[in-house]
Amino acid sequence: MQLQKEEIEQLEKKYRLNLINSISGIKPANLIGTKSLNHQENVAIFSSVVHLGSNPAQLGFIMRPQTEVPRDTYPNILETGFYTINHVSQSFIKKAHFTSAKLEKGVSEFERMRIEQEYIADFFAPFVKESVVKIGMKHQESIPLPNGCIFVIGSVEMLVIPDHVVNGLGQIDLEGCSGVGISGLNSYYALNKLDSFPYVREDEIPDFE
């Protein structure tokens, strides 16, 4: 397959949607949990969470364009300033996937998909109890993107990770967590560690054949 821009634009809509959503490869699967000021809980799956920096610790994710009937996640974040990011594990990928459904306002995906929420310390937003890696976030900035999407930037306020899945270097064993990734919109893949390499310095680059 070799397609020019004009040919891509002429593809059948659903085919083009699936193709373009797949070309970036495997993306992290995360559930983002929020709660409104009137304590209505919400959880939704996202595949766009990215690392922005370690000091200060920041993560970002892409929010789709807010239509005339916006979903609950972004309004809750703007209203309260807090949300959680929870890694999806193999044990609950089906439940996690179906949080992408457009439910009526006021209906909690936690209840509808039978996903158990968890409150830790005094953090405002709910975590996903079954998630191995849980991250409490505080909203910092929202940046409008040219396509109408919104890049949401937040600071890491809390980390909840079992000690046994973090090695002495601070690296998380995603395979040990049974973590999953997403290709496109609805295909899920297991994460298997293949190798580990040292921090690269020019004088340490091997001679490749």
C-alpha atoms as a PDB file:
ATOM      1  CA  MET A   1       0.000   0.000   0.000  1.00  0.00           C
ATOM      2  CA  GLN A   2       1.271   3.432  -0.950  1.00  0.00           C
ATOM      3  CA  LEU A   3      -1.078   6.368  -0.632  1.00  0.00           C
ATOM      4  CA  GLN A   4      -0.673  10.065  -1.319  1.00  0.00           C
ATOM      5  CA  LYS A   5      -2.563  12.660   0.746  1.00  0.00           C
ATOM      6  CA  GLU A   6      -5.299  13.030  -1.871  1.00  0.00           C
ATOM      7  CA  GLU A   7      -5.800   9.256  -1.990  1.00  0.00           C
ATOM      8  CA  ILE A   8      -6.016   9.053   1.806  1.00  0.00           C
ATOM      9  CA  GLU A   9      -8.716  11.735   1.827  1.00  0.00           C
ATOM     10  CA  GLN A  10     -10.732   9.763  -0.751  1.00  0.00           C
ATOM     11  CA  LEU A  11     -10.762   6.532   1.253  1.00  0.00           C
ATOM     12  CA  GLU A  12     -14.073   5.248   2.614  1.00  0.00           C
ATOM     13  CA  LYS A  13     -14.719   7.097   5.891  1.00  0.00           C
ATOM     14  CA  LYS A  14     -14.635   4.164   8.321  1.00  0.00           C
ATOM     15  CA  TYR A  15     -11.653   2.565   6.576  1.00  0.00           C
ATOM     16  CA  ARG A  16      -9.732   5.854   6.722  1.00  0.00           C
ATOM     17  CA  LEU A  17     -10.664   6.295  10.394  1.00  0.00           C
ATOM     18  CA  ASN A  18      -9.322   2.867  11.320  1.00  0.00           C
ATOM     19  CA  LEU A  19      -6.199   3.206   9.171  1.00  0.00           C
ATOM     20  CA  ILE A  20      -5.119   6.631  10.440  1.00  0.00           C
ATOM     21  CA  ASN A  21      -5.869   5.700  14.037  1.00  0.00           C
ATOM     22  CA  SER A  22      -3.593   2.653  13.643  1.00  0.00           C
ATOM     23  CA  ILE A  23      -0.534   4.184  11.974  1.00  0.00           C
ATOM     24  CA  SER A  24       0.893   5.653  15.194  1.00  0.00           C
ATOM     25  CA  GLY A  25       1.338   2.122  16.580  1.00  0.00           C
ATOM     26  CA  ILE A  26       0.598   0.876  20.084  1.00  0.00           C
ATOM     27  CA  LYS A  27      -0.640   3.552  22.481  1.00  0.00           C
ATOM     28  CA  PRO A  28      -1.084   3.337  26.259  1.00  0.00           C
ATOM     29  CA  ALA A  29      -4.509   2.312  27.541  1.00  0.00           C
ATOM     30  CA  ASN A  30      -5.658   4.432  30.476  1.00  0.00           C
ATOM     31  CA  LEU A  31      -8.886   5.153  32.286  1.00  0.00           C
ATOM     32  CA  ILE A  32      -9.310   8.783  33.342  1.00  0.00           C
ATOM     33  CA  GLY A  33     -11.479   9.211  36.419  1.00  0.00           C
ATOM     34  CA  THR A  34     -13.223  12.454  37.379  1.00  0.00           C
ATOM     35  CA  LYS A  35     -15.923  13.715  39.724  1.00  0.00           C
ATOM     36  CA  SER A  36     -18.094  16.815  39.494  1.00  0.00           C
ATOM     37  CA  LEU A  37     -18.636  19.254  42.339  1.00  0.00           C
ATOM     38  CA  ASN A  38     -21.979  17.577  42.985  1.00  0.00           C
ATOM     39  CA  HIS A  39     -20.128  14.239  43.356  1.00  0.00           C
ATOM     40  CA  GLN A  40     -21.192  12.657  40.058  1.00  0.00           C
ATOM     41  CA  GLU A  41     -18.426  10.238  39.096  1.00  0.00           C
ATOM     42  CA  ASN A  42     -17.173   9.562  35.575  1.00  0.00           C
ATOM     43  CA  VAL A  43     -14.547   7.305  34.025  1.00  0.00           C
ATOM     44  CA  ALA A  44     -13.511   7.052  30.366  1.00  0.00           C
ATOM     45  CA  ILE A  45     -10.833   5.310  28.340  1.00  0.00           C
ATOM     46  CA  PHE A  46      -8.070   7.302  26.609  1.00  0.00           C
ATOM     47  CA  SER A  47      -5.137   6.215  24.453  1.00  0.00           C
ATOM     48  CA  SER A  48      -3.391   9.575  24.206  1.00  0.00           C
ATOM     49  CA  VAL A  49      -1.632  10.008  27.567  1.00  0.00           C
ATOM     50  CA  VAL A  50       1.969  11.196  27.060  1.00  0.00           C
ATOM     51  CA  HIS A  51       4.930  12.060  29.263  1.00  0.00           C
ATOM     52  CA  LEU A  52       5.813  15.758  29.231  1.00  0.00           C
ATOM     53  CA  GLY A  53       8.466  16.097  31.915  1.00  0.00           C
ATOM     54  CA  SER A  54       9.878  14.585  35.092  1.00  0.00           C
ATOM     55  CA  ASN A  55      10.758  17.705  37.088  1.00  0.00           C
ATOM     56  CA  PRO A  56       8.123  18.895  37.555  1.00  0.00           C
ATOM     57  CA  ALA A  57       6.319  15.652  36.806  1.00  0.00           C
ATOM     58  CA  GLN A  58       3.741  16.359  34.090  1.00  0.00           C
ATOM     59  CA  LEU A  59       1.551  14.325  31.769  1.00  0.00           C
ATOM     60  CA  GLY A  60      -0.689  15.371  28.914  1.00  0.00           C
ATOM     61  CA  PHE A  61      -3.546  13.834  26.983  1.00  0.00           C
ATOM     62  CA  ILE A  62      -5.750  14.713  24.033  1.00  0.00           C
ATOM     63  CA  MET A  63      -9.391  15.585  24.593  1.00  0.00           C
ATOM     64  CA  ARG A  64     -11.642  15.333  21.548  1.00  0.00           C
ATOM     65  CA  PRO A  65     -13.547  18.443  20.415  1.00  0.00           C
ATOM     66  CA  GLN A  66     -16.221  19.508  22.874  1.00  0.00           C
ATOM     67  CA  THR A  67     -19.507  19.466  20.998  1.00  0.00           C
ATOM     68  CA  GLU A  68     -22.810  21.058  21.913  1.00  0.00           C
ATOM     69  CA  VAL A  69     -23.366  18.105  24.250  1.00  0.00           C
ATOM     70  CA  PRO A  70     -19.921  17.685  25.879  1.00  0.00           C
ATOM     71  CA  ARG A  71     -18.865  14.537  27.691  1.00  0.00           C
ATOM     72  CA  ASP A  72     -18.383  14.682  31.446  1.00  0.00           C
ATOM     73  CA  THR A  73     -14.604  14.208  31.662  1.00  0.00           C
ATOM     74  CA  TYR A  74     -13.444  17.624  30.499  1.00  0.00           C
ATOM     75  CA  PRO A  75     -16.141  19.697  32.251  1.00  0.00           C
ATOM     76  CA  ASN A  76     -15.339  17.855  35.484  1.00  0.00           C
ATOM     77  CA  ILE A  77     -11.630  18.604  35.094  1.00  0.00           C
ATOM     78  CA  LEU A  78     -12.303  22.293  34.457  1.00  0.00           C
ATOM     79  CA  GLU A  79     -14.803  22.473  37.316  1.00  0.00           C
ATOM     80  CA  THR A  80     -12.710  20.755  39.998  1.00  0.00           C
ATOM     81  CA  GLY A  81      -9.130  20.841  38.695  1.00  0.00           C
ATOM     82  CA  PHE A  82      -8.499  17.182  39.530  1.00  0.00           C
ATOM     83  CA  TYR A  83      -8.563  13.840  37.728  1.00  0.00           C
ATOM     84  CA  THR A  84      -6.898  10.437  37.857  1.00  0.00           C
ATOM     85  CA  ILE A  85      -5.054   8.379  35.253  1.00  0.00           C
ATOM     86  CA  ASN A  86      -5.271   4.608  35.746  1.00  0.00           C
ATOM     87  CA  HIS A  87      -3.415   1.978  33.717  1.00  0.00           C
ATOM     88  CA  VAL A  88      -5.680  -0.608  32.090  1.00  0.00           C
ATOM     89  CA  SER A  89      -4.761  -4.228  32.805  1.00  0.00           C
ATOM     90  CA  GLN A  90      -5.712  -7.362  30.906  1.00  0.00           C
ATOM     91  CA  SER A  91      -8.203  -8.340  33.602  1.00  0.00           C
ATOM     92  CA  PHE A  92     -10.615  -5.515  32.785  1.00  0.00           C
ATOM     93  CA  ILE A  93     -10.009  -4.445  29.194  1.00  0.00           C
ATOM     94  CA  LYS A  94     -13.598  -5.196  28.118  1.00  0.00           C
ATOM     95  CA  LYS A  95     -15.093  -3.071  30.881  1.00  0.00           C
ATOM     96  CA  ALA A  96     -12.551  -0.330  30.170  1.00  0.00           C
ATOM     97  CA  HIS A  97     -13.307  -0.331  26.449  1.00  0.00           C
ATOM     98  CA  PHE A  98     -17.039   0.112  26.930  1.00  0.00           C
ATOM     99  CA  THR A  99     -16.516   3.312  28.928  1.00  0.00           C
ATOM    100  CA  SER A 100     -16.153   4.917  25.486  1.00  0.00           C
ATOM    101  CA  ALA A 101     -19.934   4.653  25.074  1.00  0.00           C
ATOM    102  CA  LYS A 102     -21.876   7.914  25.001  1.00  0.00           C
ATOM    103  CA  LEU A 103     -24.037   7.581  28.086  1.00  0.00           C
ATOM    104  CA  GLU A 104     -26.655  10.048  29.210  1.00  0.00           C
ATOM    105  CA  LYS A 105     -25.362  12.847  31.414  1.00  0.00           C
ATOM    106  CA  GLY A 106     -25.455  11.830  35.051  1.00  0.00           C
ATOM    107  CA  VAL A 107     -24.899   8.116  34.362  1.00  0.00           C
ATOM    108  CA  SER A 108     -21.660   6.870  35.933  1.00  0.00           C
ATOM    109  CA  GLU A 109     -19.498   4.541  33.856  1.00  0.00           C
ATOM    110  CA  PHE A 110     -18.175   3.156  37.139  1.00  0.00           C
ATOM    111  CA  GLU A 111     -21.659   1.831  37.896  1.00  0.00           C
ATOM    112  CA  ARG A 112     -22.699   0.970  34.337  1.00  0.00           C
ATOM    113  CA  MET A 113     -19.548  -1.056  33.540  1.00  0.00           C
ATOM    114  CA  ARG A 114     -19.173  -2.432  37.085  1.00  0.00           C
ATOM    115  CA  ILE A 115     -15.765  -0.827  37.556  1.00  0.00           C
ATOM    116  CA  GLU A 116     -14.958  -0.371  41.226  1.00  0.00           C
ATOM    117  CA  GLN A 117     -13.803   3.111  42.187  1.00  0.00           C
ATOM    118  CA  GLU A 118     -11.413   3.901  45.026  1.00  0.00           C
ATOM    119  CA  TYR A 119     -10.632   7.063  46.970  1.00  0.00           C
ATOM    120  CA  ILE A 120      -7.093   7.378  48.302  1.00  0.00           C
ATOM    121  CA  ALA A 121      -6.086   9.773  51.066  1.00  0.00           C
ATOM    122  CA  ASP A 122      -7.940  13.035  50.505  1.00  0.00           C
ATOM    123  CA  PHE A 123      -7.577  13.119  46.709  1.00  0.00           C
ATOM    124  CA  PHE A 124     -10.776  14.521  45.178  1.00  0.00           C
ATOM    125  CA  ALA A 125     -11.135  12.380  42.041  1.00  0.00           C
ATOM    126  CA  PRO A 126     -11.810   8.629  42.060  1.00  0.00           C
ATOM    127  CA  PHE A 127      -9.183   6.042  41.133  1.00  0.00           C
ATOM    128  CA  VAL A 128      -9.873   2.677  39.476  1.00  0.00           C
ATOM    129  CA  LYS A 129      -9.356   0.147  42.253  1.00  0.00           C
ATOM    130  CA  GLU A 130      -8.280  -2.710  39.985  1.00  0.00           C
ATOM    131  CA  SER A 131      -5.655  -0.613  38.190  1.00  0.00           C
ATOM    132  CA  VAL A 132      -2.078  -1.447  39.185  1.00  0.00           C
ATOM    133  CA  VAL A 133      -0.674   2.006  38.389  1.00  0.00           C
ATOM    134  CA  LYS A 134      -2.761   4.922  39.658  1.00  0.00           C
ATOM    135  CA  ILE A 135      -1.874   8.606  39.121  1.00  0.00           C
ATOM    136  CA  GLY A 136      -3.541  11.575  40.770  1.00  0.00           C
ATOM    137  CA  MET A 137      -3.462  14.648  38.530  1.00  0.00           C
ATOM    138  CA  LYS A 138      -4.057  18.397  38.873  1.00  0.00           C
ATOM    139  CA  HIS A 139      -5.057  20.396  35.810  1.00  0.00           C
ATOM    140  CA  GLN A 140      -2.452  22.960  34.754  1.00  0.00           C
ATOM    141  CA  GLU A 141      -3.347  24.169  31.276  1.00  0.00           C
ATOM    142  CA  SER A 142      -5.476  23.378  28.244  1.00  0.00           C
ATOM    143  CA  ILE A 143      -4.150  24.142  24.774  1.00  0.00           C
ATOM    144  CA  PRO A 144      -6.548  24.273  21.778  1.00  0.00           C
ATOM    145  CA  LEU A 145      -5.260  22.306  18.785  1.00  0.00           C
ATOM    146  CA  PRO A 146      -5.829  23.161  15.095  1.00  0.00           C
ATOM    147  CA  ASN A 147      -8.244  20.231  14.613  1.00  0.00           C
ATOM    148  CA  GLY A 148     -10.531  21.317  17.462  1.00  0.00           C
ATOM    149  CA  CYS A 149      -9.100  18.873  19.971  1.00  0.00           C
ATOM    150  CA  ILE A 150      -7.687  20.056  23.302  1.00  0.00           C
ATOM    151  CA  PHE A 151      -4.291  19.152  24.763  1.00  0.00           C
ATOM    152  CA  VAL A 152      -4.795  18.850  28.517  1.00  0.00           C
ATOM    153  CA  ILE A 153      -1.672  19.307  30.669  1.00  0.00           C
ATOM    154  CA  GLY A 154      -1.579  18.261  34.296  1.00  0.00           C
ATOM    155  CA  SER A 155       0.874  17.878  37.154  1.00  0.00           C
ATOM    156  CA  VAL A 156       1.386  14.562  38.914  1.00  0.00           C
ATOM    157  CA  GLU A 157       0.131  15.001  42.488  1.00  0.00           C
ATOM    158  CA  MET A 158       0.060  11.371  43.630  1.00  0.00           C
ATOM    159  CA  LEU A 159       1.421   7.986  42.565  1.00  0.00           C
ATOM    160  CA  VAL A 160       0.102   4.650  43.807  1.00  0.00           C
ATOM    161  CA  ILE A 161       2.177   1.716  42.544  1.00  0.00           C
ATOM    162  CA  PRO A 162       2.952  -1.644  44.215  1.00  0.00           C
ATOM    163  CA  ASP A 163       6.586  -1.805  45.311  1.00  0.00           C
ATOM    164  CA  HIS A 164       7.181  -5.139  43.604  1.00  0.00           C
ATOM    165  CA  VAL A 165       6.599  -3.775  40.085  1.00  0.00           C
ATOM    166  CA  VAL A 166       9.181  -0.973  40.441  1.00  0.00           C
ATOM    167  CA  ASN A 167      12.871  -1.881  40.169  1.00  0.00           C
ATOM    168  CA  GLY A 168      15.849  -0.218  41.836  1.00  0.00           C
ATOM    169  CA  LEU A 169      16.172   2.263  38.972  1.00  0.00           C
ATOM    170  CA  GLY A 170      12.555   3.397  39.306  1.00  0.00           C
ATOM    171  CA  GLN A 171      11.418   1.554  36.177  1.00  0.00           C
ATOM    172  CA  ILE A 172       7.919   0.072  36.180  1.00  0.00           C
ATOM    173  CA  ASP A 173       7.539  -3.520  34.971  1.00  0.00           C
ATOM    174  CA  LEU A 174       4.569  -3.051  32.649  1.00  0.00           C
ATOM    175  CA  GLU A 175       4.576  -6.730  31.709  1.00  0.00           C
ATOM    176  CA  GLY A 176       4.400  -7.644  35.392  1.00  0.00           C
ATOM    177  CA  CYS A 177       1.459  -5.264  35.721  1.00  0.00           C
ATOM    178  CA  SER A 178      -0.336  -7.095  32.878  1.00  0.00           C
ATOM    179  CA  GLY A 179      -0.567  -3.721  31.168  1.00  0.00           C
ATOM    180  CA  VAL A 180      -2.185  -3.347  27.754  1.00  0.00           C
ATOM    181  CA  GLY A 181      -1.865  -1.045  24.769  1.00  0.00           C
ATOM    182  CA  ILE A 182      -4.341   0.053  22.122  1.00  0.00           C
ATOM    183  CA  SER A 183      -3.973   0.029  18.351  1.00  0.00           C
ATOM    184  CA  GLY A 184      -6.501   2.133  16.513  1.00  0.00           C
ATOM    185  CA  LEU A 185      -9.804   2.494  18.329  1.00  0.00           C
ATOM    186  CA  ASN A 186     -10.610  -0.983  19.566  1.00  0.00           C
ATOM    187  CA  SER A 187      -7.724  -3.477  19.297  1.00  0.00           C
ATOM    188  CA  TYR A 188      -5.870  -4.331  22.498  1.00  0.00           C
ATOM    189  CA  TYR A 189      -2.379  -5.803  22.845  1.00  0.00           C
ATOM    190  CA  ALA A 190      -0.456  -7.309  25.740  1.00  0.00           C
ATOM    191  CA  LEU A 191       2.802  -5.583  26.700  1.00  0.00           C
ATOM    192  CA  ASN A 192       5.837  -7.872  26.729  1.00  0.00           C
ATOM    193  CA  LYS A 193       9.313  -6.638  27.612  1.00  0.00           C
ATOM    194  CA  LEU A 194      11.801  -7.455  24.868  1.00  0.00           C
ATOM    195  CA  ASP A 195      15.056  -5.926  26.125  1.00  0.00           C
ATOM    196  CA  SER A 196      16.606  -3.097  28.109  1.00  0.00           C
ATOM    197  CA  PHE A 197      19.503  -0.867  27.018  1.00  0.00           C
ATOM    198  CA  PRO A 198      21.744   1.665  28.801  1.00  0.00           C
ATOM    199  CA  TYR A 199      21.466   5.425  28.537  1.00  0.00           C
ATOM    200  CA  VAL A 200      23.140   6.259  25.220  1.00  0.00           C
ATOM    201  CA  ARG A 201      26.431   8.165  25.136  1.00  0.00           C
ATOM    202  CA  GLU A 202      28.202   8.686  21.832  1.00  0.00           C
ATOM    203  CA  ASP A 203      31.418   6.959  22.881  1.00  0.00           C
ATOM    204  CA  GLU A 204      29.449   3.890  23.971  1.00  0.00           C
ATOM    205  CA  ILE A 205      27.614   3.274  20.696  1.00  0.00           C
ATOM    206  CA  PRO A 206      28.496  -0.277  19.518  1.00  0.00           C
ATOM    207  CA  ASP A 207      29.656  -1.162  16.036  1.00  0.00           C
ATOM    208  CA  PHE A 208      26.529  -2.325  14.263  1.00  0.00           C
ATOM    209  CA  GLU A 209      26.904  -4.784  11.428  1.00  0.00           C
END
